[in-house]
C-alpha cells in the first residue's frame, strides 16, 4: 500500500514538472485545443490569403477569407484588420450597401481607431458611388453629403477631409441641378408657385454651384406668369397632379 502511494506521488510530481516545462501546451494538446500561437498562425494565413485575393481583384474570395478570420478568430490581432478590409473588398465589388454596413459596424465597435477618418470617407463613398442623374431621387447624394460634412467637421486637417471637400462640392452641384430640373418641370406644367419655390430655394441654399443665373431667370418667369394670372382674375391651377419630386 505504501509502495502504491509512492508511485502515485511520483506520477503526480512528473505531471507537475511536465506542466511547468511545457506550460499549457501539454493539456491543450491532450484536450485537442490549439495553442494561441497556432491560432494566430492560422488567422495570419487567412489574413494573408484575403489580402492577396483583395490585391488581385478577387473580391468575393477576399470577403470570404476576411469573414473566416472574424468568425474563427474573433480575439486575434488580425480580426480588427479583417473587419476593415472586408468593407474594402465589398466596396470594390460594388456591393455598396453591405460595404457601408461593414464600415458602420467598424466605426461603432472602434470609435477611437486611427483609421476612423478613412472609415467615414468610405461610408460617404458608398453613397456617393450610387449618385444618379439629376432627374432621379437624390437620397444617396444627401447621405454622401452628410458623411462628407461629418468627416470635415471632425477631422478638418486629415487627408481624407481634403478629399471629402472636393466630393462634397460635387454633391452640392448635383443637388442644385436636381432642384433646377424639378423647378423647370413644374414651370412647364404651369405650376408656377411650386416652380418659384424651387428656384428660390436654389438661390438661398446653393448660390455658388453654377445655377444662380438660371434660377433667377426662372424666378422672373414665374413672377410674370403669376402676375398675369392675377391680373386676369385667374387662380393657380392646383388641380395638376402632385409630382413625385415634391
C-alpha atoms as a PDB file:
ATOM      1  CA  UNK A   1       0.000   0.000   0.000  1.00  0.00           C
ATOM      2  CA  UNK A   2       2.849   2.311   0.926  1.00  0.00           C
ATOM      3  CA  UNK A   3       4.626   1.468  -2.325  1.00  0.00           C
ATOM      4  CA  UNK A   4       1.476   2.271  -4.301  1.00  0.00           C
ATOM      5  CA  UNK A   5       1.212   5.684  -2.597  1.00  0.00           C
ATOM      6  CA  UNK A   6       4.826   6.433  -3.503  1.00  0.00           C
ATOM      7  CA  UNK A   7       4.162   5.550  -7.135  1.00  0.00           C
ATOM      8  CA  UNK A   8       1.116   7.855  -7.260  1.00  0.00           C
ATOM      9  CA  UNK A   9       3.087  10.733  -5.757  1.00  0.00           C
ATOM     10  CA  UNK A  10       5.894  10.160  -8.252  1.00  0.00           C
ATOM     11  CA  UNK A  11       3.461  10.235 -11.193  1.00  0.00           C
ATOM     12  CA  UNK A  12       1.809  13.419  -9.941  1.00  0.00           C
ATOM     13  CA  UNK A  13       5.205  15.055  -9.461  1.00  0.00           C
ATOM     14  CA  UNK A  14       6.135  14.087 -13.011  1.00  0.00           C
ATOM     15  CA  UNK A  15       2.950  15.626 -14.404  1.00  0.00           C
ATOM     16  CA  UNK A  16       3.556  18.825 -12.420  1.00  0.00           C
ATOM     17  CA  UNK A  17       7.110  19.022 -13.765  1.00  0.00           C
ATOM     18  CA  UNK A  18       5.881  18.454 -17.309  1.00  0.00           C
ATOM     19  CA  UNK A  19       3.335  21.221 -16.859  1.00  0.00           C
ATOM     20  CA  UNK A  20       5.998  23.619 -15.642  1.00  0.00           C
ATOM     21  CA  UNK A  21       8.267  22.796 -18.563  1.00  0.00           C
ATOM     22  CA  UNK A  22       5.681  22.950 -21.334  1.00  0.00           C
ATOM     23  CA  UNK A  23       3.097  25.338 -19.901  1.00  0.00           C
ATOM     24  CA  UNK A  24      -0.463  24.768 -21.063  1.00  0.00           C
ATOM     25  CA  UNK A  25       0.532  23.237 -24.387  1.00  0.00           C
ATOM     26  CA  UNK A  26       0.549  19.674 -22.979  1.00  0.00           C
ATOM     27  CA  UNK A  27      -3.019  19.905 -21.692  1.00  0.00           C
ATOM     28  CA  UNK A  28      -4.227  21.807 -24.751  1.00  0.00           C
ATOM     29  CA  UNK A  29      -2.803  19.031 -26.882  1.00  0.00           C
ATOM     30  CA  UNK A  30      -4.295  16.396 -24.613  1.00  0.00           C
ATOM     31  CA  UNK A  31      -7.742  18.013 -24.871  1.00  0.00           C
ATOM     32  CA  UNK A  32      -7.454  18.821 -28.586  1.00  0.00           C
ATOM     33  CA  UNK A  33      -7.233  22.583 -28.028  1.00  0.00           C
ATOM     34  CA  UNK A  34      -4.811  24.506 -30.250  1.00  0.00           C
ATOM     35  CA  UNK A  35      -2.478  26.992 -28.635  1.00  0.00           C
ATOM     36  CA  UNK A  36      -2.769  30.732 -29.030  1.00  0.00           C
ATOM     37  CA  UNK A  37       0.316  30.760 -31.230  1.00  0.00           C
ATOM     38  CA  UNK A  38      -1.230  28.227 -33.584  1.00  0.00           C
ATOM     39  CA  UNK A  39      -4.450  30.228 -33.711  1.00  0.00           C
ATOM     40  CA  UNK A  40      -2.529  33.383 -34.544  1.00  0.00           C
ATOM     41  CA  UNK A  41      -0.706  31.471 -37.248  1.00  0.00           C
ATOM     42  CA  UNK A  42      -3.945  30.191 -38.778  1.00  0.00           C
ATOM     43  CA  UNK A  43      -5.513  33.651 -38.582  1.00  0.00           C
ATOM     44  CA  UNK A  44      -2.401  35.143 -40.162  1.00  0.00           C
ATOM     45  CA  UNK A  45      -2.565  32.686 -43.045  1.00  0.00           C
ATOM     46  CA  UNK A  46      -6.222  33.511 -43.685  1.00  0.00           C
ATOM     47  CA  UNK A  47      -5.435  37.210 -43.466  1.00  0.00           C
ATOM     48  CA  UNK A  48      -2.605  36.861 -45.989  1.00  0.00           C
ATOM     49  CA  UNK A  49      -4.899  34.893 -48.260  1.00  0.00           C
ATOM     50  CA  UNK A  50      -7.612  37.535 -48.054  1.00  0.00           C
ATOM     51  CA  UNK A  51      -5.141  40.348 -48.688  1.00  0.00           C
ATOM     52  CA  UNK A  52      -3.730  38.544 -51.725  1.00  0.00           C
ATOM     53  CA  UNK A  53      -7.224  37.971 -53.102  1.00  0.00           C
ATOM     54  CA  UNK A  54      -8.090  41.618 -52.498  1.00  0.00           C
ATOM     55  CA  UNK A  55      -4.971  42.890 -54.264  1.00  0.00           C
ATOM     56  CA  UNK A  56      -5.628  40.527 -57.183  1.00  0.00           C
ATOM     57  CA  UNK A  57      -9.180  41.796 -57.659  1.00  0.00           C
ATOM     58  CA  UNK A  58     -10.822  38.581 -56.458  1.00  0.00           C
ATOM     59  CA  UNK A  59     -13.062  40.469 -54.079  1.00  0.00           C
ATOM     60  CA  UNK A  60     -15.596  37.738 -53.377  1.00  0.00           C
ATOM     61  CA  UNK A  61     -12.858  35.345 -52.258  1.00  0.00           C
ATOM     62  CA  UNK A  62     -11.301  38.130 -50.194  1.00  0.00           C
ATOM     63  CA  UNK A  63     -14.593  38.730 -48.388  1.00  0.00           C
ATOM     64  CA  UNK A  64     -14.863  35.018 -47.602  1.00  0.00           C
ATOM     65  CA  UNK A  65     -11.335  34.905 -46.172  1.00  0.00           C
ATOM     66  CA  UNK A  66     -11.830  38.003 -44.023  1.00  0.00           C
ATOM     67  CA  UNK A  67     -15.161  36.657 -42.777  1.00  0.00           C
ATOM     68  CA  UNK A  68     -13.433  33.434 -41.693  1.00  0.00           C
ATOM     69  CA  UNK A  69     -10.900  35.461 -39.710  1.00  0.00           C
ATOM     70  CA  UNK A  70     -13.738  37.296 -37.961  1.00  0.00           C
ATOM     71  CA  UNK A  71     -15.734  34.129 -37.255  1.00  0.00           C
ATOM     72  CA  UNK A  72     -12.954  31.746 -36.262  1.00  0.00           C
ATOM     73  CA  UNK A  73     -10.531  34.101 -34.564  1.00  0.00           C
ATOM     74  CA  UNK A  74     -12.584  36.984 -33.107  1.00  0.00           C
ATOM     75  CA  UNK A  75      -9.918  37.732 -30.477  1.00  0.00           C
ATOM     76  CA  UNK A  76      -6.982  37.531 -32.838  1.00  0.00           C
ATOM     77  CA  UNK A  77      -4.948  40.645 -33.599  1.00  0.00           C
ATOM     78  CA  UNK A  78      -5.983  40.120 -37.223  1.00  0.00           C
ATOM     79  CA  UNK A  79      -9.731  40.287 -36.563  1.00  0.00           C
ATOM     80  CA  UNK A  80      -9.855  44.077 -36.410  1.00  0.00           C
ATOM     81  CA  UNK A  81      -7.946  44.444 -39.674  1.00  0.00           C
ATOM     82  CA  UNK A  82     -10.194  41.835 -41.283  1.00  0.00           C
ATOM     83  CA  UNK A  83     -13.270  43.891 -40.352  1.00  0.00           C
ATOM     84  CA  UNK A  84     -11.905  46.906 -42.178  1.00  0.00           C
ATOM     85  CA  UNK A  85     -10.555  45.035 -45.196  1.00  0.00           C
ATOM     86  CA  UNK A  86     -13.868  43.251 -45.648  1.00  0.00           C
ATOM     87  CA  UNK A  87     -15.534  46.641 -46.081  1.00  0.00           C
ATOM     88  CA  UNK A  88     -12.931  47.488 -48.726  1.00  0.00           C
ATOM     89  CA  UNK A  89     -13.490  44.231 -50.589  1.00  0.00           C
ATOM     90  CA  UNK A  90     -17.269  44.731 -50.608  1.00  0.00           C
ATOM     91  CA  UNK A  91     -16.861  48.325 -51.776  1.00  0.00           C
ATOM     92  CA  UNK A  92     -14.543  47.334 -54.636  1.00  0.00           C
ATOM     93  CA  UNK A  93     -17.036  44.617 -55.552  1.00  0.00           C
ATOM     94  CA  UNK A  94     -19.626  47.430 -55.832  1.00  0.00           C
ATOM     95  CA  UNK A  95     -21.668  45.896 -53.032  1.00  0.00           C
ATOM     96  CA  UNK A  96     -22.208  49.338 -51.598  1.00  0.00           C
ATOM     97  CA  UNK A  97     -24.904  48.657 -49.021  1.00  0.00           C
ATOM     98  CA  UNK A  98     -23.088  45.699 -47.401  1.00  0.00           C
ATOM     99  CA  UNK A  99     -19.853  47.697 -47.565  1.00  0.00           C
ATOM    100  CA  UNK A 100     -21.499  50.626 -45.786  1.00  0.00           C
ATOM    101  CA  UNK A 101     -22.788  48.240 -43.112  1.00  0.00           C
ATOM    102  CA  UNK A 102     -19.281  46.804 -42.630  1.00  0.00           C
ATOM    103  CA  UNK A 103     -17.701  50.261 -42.272  1.00  0.00           C
ATOM    104  CA  UNK A 104     -20.512  51.402 -39.994  1.00  0.00           C
ATOM    105  CA  UNK A 105     -20.035  48.366 -37.740  1.00  0.00           C
ATOM    106  CA  UNK A 106     -16.298  49.056 -37.583  1.00  0.00           C
ATOM    107  CA  UNK A 107     -16.897  52.675 -36.560  1.00  0.00           C
ATOM    108  CA  UNK A 108     -19.362  51.654 -33.846  1.00  0.00           C
ATOM    109  CA  UNK A 109     -17.046  48.978 -32.447  1.00  0.00           C
ATOM    110  CA  UNK A 110     -13.832  51.022 -32.681  1.00  0.00           C
ATOM    111  CA  UNK A 111     -14.826  54.725 -32.476  1.00  0.00           C
ATOM    112  CA  UNK A 112     -11.327  55.824 -31.401  1.00  0.00           C
ATOM    113  CA  UNK A 113      -9.376  53.872 -34.002  1.00  0.00           C
ATOM    114  CA  UNK A 114      -6.788  55.773 -36.023  1.00  0.00           C
ATOM    115  CA  UNK A 115      -8.479  54.791 -39.309  1.00  0.00           C
ATOM    116  CA  UNK A 116     -11.859  56.328 -38.463  1.00  0.00           C
ATOM    117  CA  UNK A 117     -11.337  59.261 -40.904  1.00  0.00           C
ATOM    118  CA  UNK A 118     -10.836  56.694 -43.679  1.00  0.00           C
ATOM    119  CA  UNK A 119     -13.865  54.717 -42.498  1.00  0.00           C
ATOM    120  CA  UNK A 120     -16.145  57.777 -42.579  1.00  0.00           C
ATOM    121  CA  UNK A 121     -14.801  58.705 -46.009  1.00  0.00           C
ATOM    122  CA  UNK A 122     -15.557  55.212 -47.305  1.00  0.00           C
ATOM    123  CA  UNK A 123     -19.037  55.324 -45.816  1.00  0.00           C
ATOM    124  CA  UNK A 124     -19.617  58.519 -47.757  1.00  0.00           C
ATOM    125  CA  UNK A 125     -18.195  56.962 -50.909  1.00  0.00           C
ATOM    126  CA  UNK A 126     -20.601  54.029 -50.631  1.00  0.00           C
ATOM    127  CA  UNK A 127     -23.432  56.528 -51.095  1.00  0.00           C
ATOM    128  CA  UNK A 128     -21.542  58.826 -53.474  1.00  0.00           C
ATOM    129  CA  UNK A 129     -20.862  55.892 -55.812  1.00  0.00           C
ATOM    130  CA  UNK A 130     -24.628  55.415 -56.170  1.00  0.00           C
ATOM    131  CA  UNK A 131     -25.446  59.006 -57.094  1.00  0.00           C
ATOM    132  CA  UNK A 132     -27.536  59.069 -60.252  1.00  0.00           C
ATOM    133  CA  UNK A 133     -28.607  61.709 -62.755  1.00  0.00           C
ATOM    134  CA  UNK A 134     -30.254  64.972 -61.743  1.00  0.00           C
ATOM    135  CA  UNK A 135     -33.733  63.801 -62.761  1.00  0.00           C
ATOM    136  CA  UNK A 136     -33.719  60.973 -60.202  1.00  0.00           C
ATOM    137  CA  UNK A 137     -34.111  60.710 -56.444  1.00  0.00           C
ATOM    138  CA  UNK A 138     -31.106  62.212 -54.655  1.00  0.00           C
ATOM    139  CA  UNK A 139     -31.237  60.308 -51.362  1.00  0.00           C
ATOM    140  CA  UNK A 140     -27.767  58.842 -51.964  1.00  0.00           C
ATOM    141  CA  UNK A 141     -26.422  62.317 -52.684  1.00  0.00           C
ATOM    142  CA  UNK A 142     -27.843  63.642 -49.428  1.00  0.00           C
ATOM    143  CA  UNK A 143     -26.427  60.714 -47.456  1.00  0.00           C
ATOM    144  CA  UNK A 144     -22.976  61.168 -49.001  1.00  0.00           C
ATOM    145  CA  UNK A 145     -23.157  64.896 -48.291  1.00  0.00           C
ATOM    146  CA  UNK A 146     -23.899  64.269 -44.609  1.00  0.00           C
ATOM    147  CA  UNK A 147     -20.970  61.853 -44.231  1.00  0.00           C
ATOM    148  CA  UNK A 148     -18.529  64.148 -46.045  1.00  0.00           C
ATOM    149  CA  UNK A 149     -19.616  67.054 -43.849  1.00  0.00           C
ATOM    150  CA  UNK A 150     -19.239  64.946 -40.709  1.00  0.00           C
ATOM    151  CA  UNK A 151     -15.726  63.935 -41.713  1.00  0.00           C
ATOM    152  CA  UNK A 152     -14.692  67.527 -42.451  1.00  0.00           C
ATOM    153  CA  UNK A 153     -16.130  68.735 -39.148  1.00  0.00           C
ATOM    154  CA  UNK A 154     -14.495  66.024 -37.003  1.00  0.00           C
ATOM    155  CA  UNK A 155     -11.138  65.789 -38.770  1.00  0.00           C
ATOM    156  CA  UNK A 156     -10.662  69.057 -40.685  1.00  0.00           C
ATOM    157  CA  UNK A 157      -6.924  68.563 -41.239  1.00  0.00           C
ATOM    158  CA  UNK A 158      -6.956  64.917 -42.182  1.00  0.00           C
ATOM    159  CA  UNK A 159      -6.006  63.926 -45.724  1.00  0.00           C
ATOM    160  CA  UNK A 160      -9.411  62.320 -46.201  1.00  0.00           C
ATOM    161  CA  UNK A 161     -11.122  65.553 -45.202  1.00  0.00           C
ATOM    162  CA  UNK A 162      -9.351  67.221 -48.134  1.00  0.00           C
ATOM    163  CA  UNK A 163     -10.694  64.557 -50.487  1.00  0.00           C
ATOM    164  CA  UNK A 164     -14.124  64.936 -48.911  1.00  0.00           C
ATOM    165  CA  UNK A 165     -14.249  68.670 -49.669  1.00  0.00           C
ATOM    166  CA  UNK A 166     -13.967  68.057 -53.406  1.00  0.00           C
ATOM    167  CA  UNK A 167     -16.644  65.372 -53.381  1.00  0.00           C
ATOM    168  CA  UNK A 168     -18.866  67.476 -51.144  1.00  0.00           C
ATOM    169  CA  UNK A 169     -18.920  70.221 -53.743  1.00  0.00           C
ATOM    170  CA  UNK A 170     -19.953  67.677 -56.375  1.00  0.00           C
ATOM    171  CA  UNK A 171     -22.798  66.582 -54.107  1.00  0.00           C
ATOM    172  CA  UNK A 172     -23.981  70.177 -53.763  1.00  0.00           C
ATOM    173  CA  UNK A 173     -23.844  70.652 -57.533  1.00  0.00           C
ATOM    174  CA  UNK A 174     -25.932  67.506 -58.035  1.00  0.00           C
ATOM    175  CA  UNK A 175     -28.482  68.711 -55.515  1.00  0.00           C
ATOM    176  CA  UNK A 176     -28.679  72.182 -57.066  1.00  0.00           C
ATOM    177  CA  UNK A 177     -29.091  70.752 -60.561  1.00  0.00           C
ATOM    178  CA  UNK A 178     -31.839  68.471 -59.268  1.00  0.00           C
ATOM    179  CA  UNK A 179     -33.696  71.454 -57.795  1.00  0.00           C
ATOM    180  CA  UNK A 180     -33.356  73.317 -61.103  1.00  0.00           C
ATOM    181  CA  UNK A 181     -34.640  70.307 -63.018  1.00  0.00           C
ATOM    182  CA  UNK A 182     -37.680  69.999 -60.754  1.00  0.00           C
ATOM    183  CA  UNK A 183     -38.304  73.759 -60.918  1.00  0.00           C
ATOM    184  CA  UNK A 184     -38.305  73.592 -64.723  1.00  0.00           C
ATOM    185  CA  UNK A 185     -40.560  70.545 -64.577  1.00  0.00           C
ATOM    186  CA  UNK A 186     -43.138  72.460 -62.557  1.00  0.00           C
ATOM    187  CA  UNK A 187     -42.868  75.547 -64.732  1.00  0.00           C
ATOM    188  CA  UNK A 188     -43.510  73.613 -67.948  1.00  0.00           C
ATOM    189  CA  UNK A 189     -46.662  72.217 -66.417  1.00  0.00           C
ATOM    190  CA  UNK A 190     -47.981  75.552 -65.257  1.00  0.00           C
ATOM    191  CA  UNK A 191     -47.262  75.024 -61.557  1.00  0.00           C
ATOM    192  CA  UNK A 192     -45.662  78.438 -61.195  1.00  0.00           C
ATOM    193  CA  UNK A 193     -45.838  78.724 -57.421  1.00  0.00           C
ATOM    194  CA  UNK A 194     -44.176  75.328 -56.951  1.00  0.00           C
ATOM    195  CA  UNK A 195     -41.535  76.251 -59.543  1.00  0.00           C
ATOM    196  CA  UNK A 196     -40.960  79.609 -57.841  1.00  0.00           C
ATOM    197  CA  UNK A 197     -40.333  77.824 -54.543  1.00  0.00           C
ATOM    198  CA  UNK A 198     -37.707  75.584 -56.138  1.00  0.00           C
ATOM    199  CA  UNK A 199     -35.908  78.437 -57.873  1.00  0.00           C
ATOM    200  CA  UNK A 200     -35.880  80.476 -54.678  1.00  0.00           C
ATOM    201  CA  UNK A 201     -34.533  77.512 -52.743  1.00  0.00           C
ATOM    202  CA  UNK A 202     -31.591  77.289 -55.159  1.00  0.00           C
ATOM    203  CA  UNK A 203     -30.748  80.959 -54.637  1.00  0.00           C
ATOM    204  CA  UNK A 204     -30.861  80.621 -50.850  1.00  0.00           C
ATOM    205  CA  UNK A 205     -29.202  77.218 -50.492  1.00  0.00           C
ATOM    206  CA  UNK A 206     -26.845  76.748 -53.449  1.00  0.00           C
ATOM    207  CA  UNK A 207     -25.875  80.263 -54.578  1.00  0.00           C
ATOM    208  CA  UNK A 208     -22.367  79.301 -55.754  1.00  0.00           C
ATOM    209  CA  UNK A 209     -22.927  75.995 -57.536  1.00  0.00           C
ATOM    210  CA  UNK A 210     -23.445  77.392 -61.063  1.00  0.00           C
ATOM    211  CA  UNK A 211     -27.251  77.513 -61.246  1.00  0.00           C
ATOM    212  CA  UNK A 212     -27.758  81.013 -59.873  1.00  0.00           C
ATOM    213  CA  UNK A 213     -28.469  82.741 -63.190  1.00  0.00           C
ATOM    214  CA  UNK A 214     -30.865  80.038 -64.384  1.00  0.00           C
ATOM    215  CA  UNK A 215     -32.706  80.179 -61.073  1.00  0.00           C
ATOM    216  CA  UNK A 216     -33.010  83.968 -61.220  1.00  0.00           C
ATOM    217  CA  UNK A 217     -34.425  83.762 -64.739  1.00  0.00           C
ATOM    218  CA  UNK A 218     -36.851  81.090 -63.543  1.00  0.00           C
ATOM    219  CA  UNK A 219     -37.995  83.335 -60.685  1.00  0.00           C
ATOM    220  CA  UNK A 220     -38.596  86.184 -63.105  1.00  0.00           C
ATOM    221  CA  UNK A 221     -40.628  83.982 -65.459  1.00  0.00           C
ATOM    222  CA  UNK A 222     -42.730  82.597 -62.613  1.00  0.00           C
ATOM    223  CA  UNK A 223     -43.447  86.068 -61.236  1.00  0.00           C
ATOM    224  CA  UNK A 224     -44.580  87.241 -64.658  1.00  0.00           C
ATOM    225  CA  UNK A 225     -46.904  84.266 -65.080  1.00  0.00           C
ATOM    226  CA  UNK A 226     -48.365  84.638 -61.599  1.00  0.00           C
ATOM    227  CA  UNK A 227     -48.861  88.385 -62.076  1.00  0.00           C
ATOM    228  CA  UNK A 228     -50.603  87.738 -65.382  1.00  0.00           C
ATOM    229  CA  UNK A 229     -52.913  85.161 -63.829  1.00  0.00           C
ATOM    230  CA  UNK A 230     -53.787  87.543 -61.020  1.00  0.00           C
ATOM    231  CA  UNK A 231     -54.485  90.390 -63.458  1.00  0.00           C
ATOM    232  CA  UNK A 232     -56.785  88.177 -65.476  1.00  0.00           C
ATOM    233  CA  UNK A 233     -58.655  87.169 -62.336  1.00  0.00           C
ATOM    234  CA  UNK A 234     -57.495  83.602 -62.676  1.00  0.00           C
ATOM    235  CA  UNK A 235     -56.335  81.248 -59.990  1.00  0.00           C
ATOM    236  CA  UNK A 236     -53.387  78.918 -59.720  1.00  0.00           C
ATOM    237  CA  UNK A 237     -54.120  75.600 -61.363  1.00  0.00           C
ATOM    238  CA  UNK A 238     -53.881  73.466 -58.248  1.00  0.00           C
ATOM    239  CA  UNK A 239     -55.560  70.552 -59.973  1.00  0.00           C
ATOM    240  CA  UNK A 240     -52.305  69.444 -61.557  1.00  0.00           C
ATOM    241  CA  UNK A 241     -51.224  66.025 -60.178  1.00  0.00           C
ATOM    242  CA  UNK A 242     -48.827  66.091 -57.255  1.00  0.00           C
ATOM    243  CA  UNK A 243     -45.340  65.444 -58.543  1.00  0.00           C
ATOM    244  CA  UNK A 244     -43.095  62.594 -57.450  1.00  0.00           C
ATOM    245  CA  UNK A 245     -40.407  65.198 -56.732  1.00  0.00           C
ATOM    246  CA  UNK A 246     -42.477  67.435 -54.438  1.00  0.00           C
END
